[in-house]
Amino acid sequence: MAFVRAHLLISGLVQGVAFRYYTRREASRLGLTGWVRNLSDGKVEAVFEGEEGLVAEMVQWCRQGPPGASVSGVRTKYEPATGEFSRFDVTY
């Protein structure tokens, strides 16, 4: 089982629609670690670590987002997992 890290920049109508809350809920459900935060330019940034297939599932979820979101783009960069996170958090 390969562990990976995905670093995402998500654009569109992704702030003010509980994107971070739903992302934390979905990542926790999948057993992923990392974080999600709003950026000052209106994007959402997230880092997910975990089993490769589950991270891919989370990336796919981010392409749709929660109800009320309108995702126009997801820039994804895969990297080796570092294991530095113990859970999934919303950061500020």
C-alpha atoms as a PDB file:
ATOM      1  CA  MET A   1       0.000   0.000   0.000  1.00  0.00           C
ATOM      2  CA  ALA A   2       1.620   3.255  -1.178  1.00  0.00           C
ATOM      3  CA  PHE A   3       1.203   6.411   0.867  1.00  0.00           C
ATOM      4  CA  VAL A   4       1.195   9.768  -0.943  1.00  0.00           C
ATOM      5  CA  ARG A   5       0.638  13.466  -0.380  1.00  0.00           C
ATOM      6  CA  ALA A   6      -1.527  15.653  -2.610  1.00  0.00           C
ATOM      7  CA  HIS A   7      -1.283  19.446  -2.410  1.00  0.00           C
ATOM      8  CA  LEU A   8      -4.325  21.157  -3.956  1.00  0.00           C
ATOM      9  CA  LEU A   9      -5.324  24.696  -4.922  1.00  0.00           C
ATOM     10  CA  ILE A  10      -9.060  24.818  -5.529  1.00  0.00           C
ATOM     11  CA  SER A  11     -10.656  27.759  -7.331  1.00  0.00           C
ATOM     12  CA  GLY A  12     -14.188  28.897  -8.053  1.00  0.00           C
ATOM     13  CA  LEU A  13     -16.972  29.658  -5.599  1.00  0.00           C
ATOM     14  CA  VAL A  14     -15.289  27.759  -2.758  1.00  0.00           C
ATOM     15  CA  GLN A  15     -15.377  30.197   0.154  1.00  0.00           C
ATOM     16  CA  GLY A  16     -18.491  30.973   2.167  1.00  0.00           C
ATOM     17  CA  VAL A  17     -20.028  27.580   1.283  1.00  0.00           C
ATOM     18  CA  ALA A  18     -18.578  25.469   4.158  1.00  0.00           C
ATOM     19  CA  PHE A  19     -15.962  23.962   1.833  1.00  0.00           C
ATOM     20  CA  ARG A  20     -13.434  23.562   4.660  1.00  0.00           C
ATOM     21  CA  TYR A  21     -15.963  21.923   6.994  1.00  0.00           C
ATOM     22  CA  TYR A  22     -17.082  19.380   4.378  1.00  0.00           C
ATOM     23  CA  THR A  23     -13.486  18.750   3.299  1.00  0.00           C
ATOM     24  CA  ARG A  24     -12.480  17.961   6.878  1.00  0.00           C
ATOM     25  CA  ARG A  25     -15.479  15.669   7.272  1.00  0.00           C
ATOM     26  CA  GLU A  26     -14.755  13.779   4.040  1.00  0.00           C
ATOM     27  CA  ALA A  27     -10.989  13.513   4.681  1.00  0.00           C
ATOM     28  CA  SER A  28     -11.616  12.213   8.201  1.00  0.00           C
ATOM     29  CA  ARG A  29     -14.137   9.680   6.870  1.00  0.00           C
ATOM     30  CA  LEU A  30     -11.452   8.384   4.496  1.00  0.00           C
ATOM     31  CA  GLY A  31      -8.829   8.272   7.251  1.00  0.00           C
ATOM     32  CA  LEU A  32      -6.635  10.930   5.633  1.00  0.00           C
ATOM     33  CA  THR A  33      -4.431  13.415   7.453  1.00  0.00           C
ATOM     34  CA  GLY A  34      -3.426  16.976   6.525  1.00  0.00           C
ATOM     35  CA  TRP A  35      -5.160  20.342   6.480  1.00  0.00           C
ATOM     36  CA  VAL A  36      -7.394  22.748   4.556  1.00  0.00           C
ATOM     37  CA  ARG A  37      -7.542  26.557   4.623  1.00  0.00           C
ATOM     38  CA  ASN A  38      -8.971  29.580   2.816  1.00  0.00           C
ATOM     39  CA  LEU A  39      -6.572  31.841   0.933  1.00  0.00           C
ATOM     40  CA  SER A  40      -6.877  35.598   0.620  1.00  0.00           C
ATOM     41  CA  ASP A  41      -7.344  35.340  -3.171  1.00  0.00           C
ATOM     42  CA  GLY A  42     -10.583  33.342  -2.785  1.00  0.00           C
ATOM     43  CA  LYS A  43      -9.076  29.895  -3.339  1.00  0.00           C
ATOM     44  CA  VAL A  44      -8.973  26.976  -0.920  1.00  0.00           C
ATOM     45  CA  GLU A  45      -5.668  25.193  -0.297  1.00  0.00           C
ATOM     46  CA  ALA A  46      -5.482  21.641   1.034  1.00  0.00           C
ATOM     47  CA  VAL A  47      -2.915  18.945   1.759  1.00  0.00           C
ATOM     48  CA  PHE A  48      -3.987  15.306   2.031  1.00  0.00           C
ATOM     49  CA  GLU A  49      -1.848  12.363   3.092  1.00  0.00           C
ATOM     50  CA  GLY A  50      -2.798   8.712   3.099  1.00  0.00           C
ATOM     51  CA  GLU A  51      -3.181   5.608   1.023  1.00  0.00           C
ATOM     52  CA  GLU A  52      -2.877   6.448  -2.669  1.00  0.00           C
ATOM     53  CA  GLY A  53      -6.364   5.293  -3.701  1.00  0.00           C
ATOM     54  CA  LEU A  54      -8.047   7.171  -0.854  1.00  0.00           C
ATOM     55  CA  VAL A  55      -6.116  10.361  -1.626  1.00  0.00           C
ATOM     56  CA  ALA A  56      -7.198  10.040  -5.272  1.00  0.00           C
ATOM     57  CA  GLU A  57     -10.808   9.672  -4.087  1.00  0.00           C
ATOM     58  CA  MET A  58     -10.458  12.851  -2.020  1.00  0.00           C
ATOM     59  CA  VAL A  59      -8.966  14.771  -4.937  1.00  0.00           C
ATOM     60  CA  GLN A  60     -11.911  13.687  -7.072  1.00  0.00           C
ATOM     61  CA  TRP A  61     -14.335  14.827  -4.356  1.00  0.00           C
ATOM     62  CA  CYS A  62     -12.659  18.270  -4.351  1.00  0.00           C
ATOM     63  CA  ARG A  63     -13.408  18.637  -8.067  1.00  0.00           C
ATOM     64  CA  GLN A  64     -17.112  18.720  -7.136  1.00  0.00           C
ATOM     65  CA  GLY A  65     -16.992  20.063  -3.574  1.00  0.00           C
ATOM     66  CA  PRO A  66     -19.905  20.343  -1.163  1.00  0.00           C
ATOM     67  CA  PRO A  67     -23.430  21.535  -1.941  1.00  0.00           C
ATOM     68  CA  GLY A  68     -23.338  25.237  -2.782  1.00  0.00           C
ATOM     69  CA  ALA A  69     -19.782  25.194  -4.124  1.00  0.00           C
ATOM     70  CA  SER A  70     -18.949  25.761  -7.773  1.00  0.00           C
ATOM     71  CA  VAL A  71     -15.440  24.466  -8.417  1.00  0.00           C
ATOM     72  CA  SER A  72     -13.843  25.861 -11.573  1.00  0.00           C
ATOM     73  CA  GLY A  73     -10.394  24.329 -11.172  1.00  0.00           C
ATOM     74  CA  VAL A  74      -8.228  22.079  -9.035  1.00  0.00           C
ATOM     75  CA  ARG A  75      -4.456  22.273  -9.333  1.00  0.00           C
ATOM     76  CA  THR A  76      -2.943  19.113  -7.846  1.00  0.00           C
ATOM     77  CA  LYS A  77       0.663  18.322  -7.059  1.00  0.00           C
ATOM     78  CA  TYR A  78       1.542  14.828  -5.820  1.00  0.00           C
ATOM     79  CA  GLU A  79       4.513  14.439  -3.499  1.00  0.00           C
ATOM     80  CA  PRO A  80       5.939  11.742  -1.215  1.00  0.00           C
ATOM     81  CA  ALA A  81       4.053  11.494   2.086  1.00  0.00           C
ATOM     82  CA  THR A  82       5.978  12.813   5.090  1.00  0.00           C
ATOM     83  CA  GLY A  83       3.815  11.381   7.867  1.00  0.00           C
ATOM     84  CA  GLU A  84       3.974  14.708   9.728  1.00  0.00           C
ATOM     85  CA  PHE A  85       0.227  14.929  10.424  1.00  0.00           C
ATOM     86  CA  SER A  86      -1.719  13.002  13.050  1.00  0.00           C
ATOM     87  CA  ARG A  87      -5.203  14.099  11.913  1.00  0.00           C
ATOM     88  CA  PHE A  88      -6.983  16.355   9.424  1.00  0.00           C
ATOM     89  CA  ASP A  89      -7.430  19.986  10.506  1.00  0.00           C
ATOM     90  CA  VAL A  90      -8.888  23.251   9.319  1.00  0.00           C
ATOM     91  CA  THR A  91      -6.130  25.871   9.553  1.00  0.00           C
ATOM     92  CA  TYR A  92      -6.242  29.652   9.323  1.00  0.00           C
END
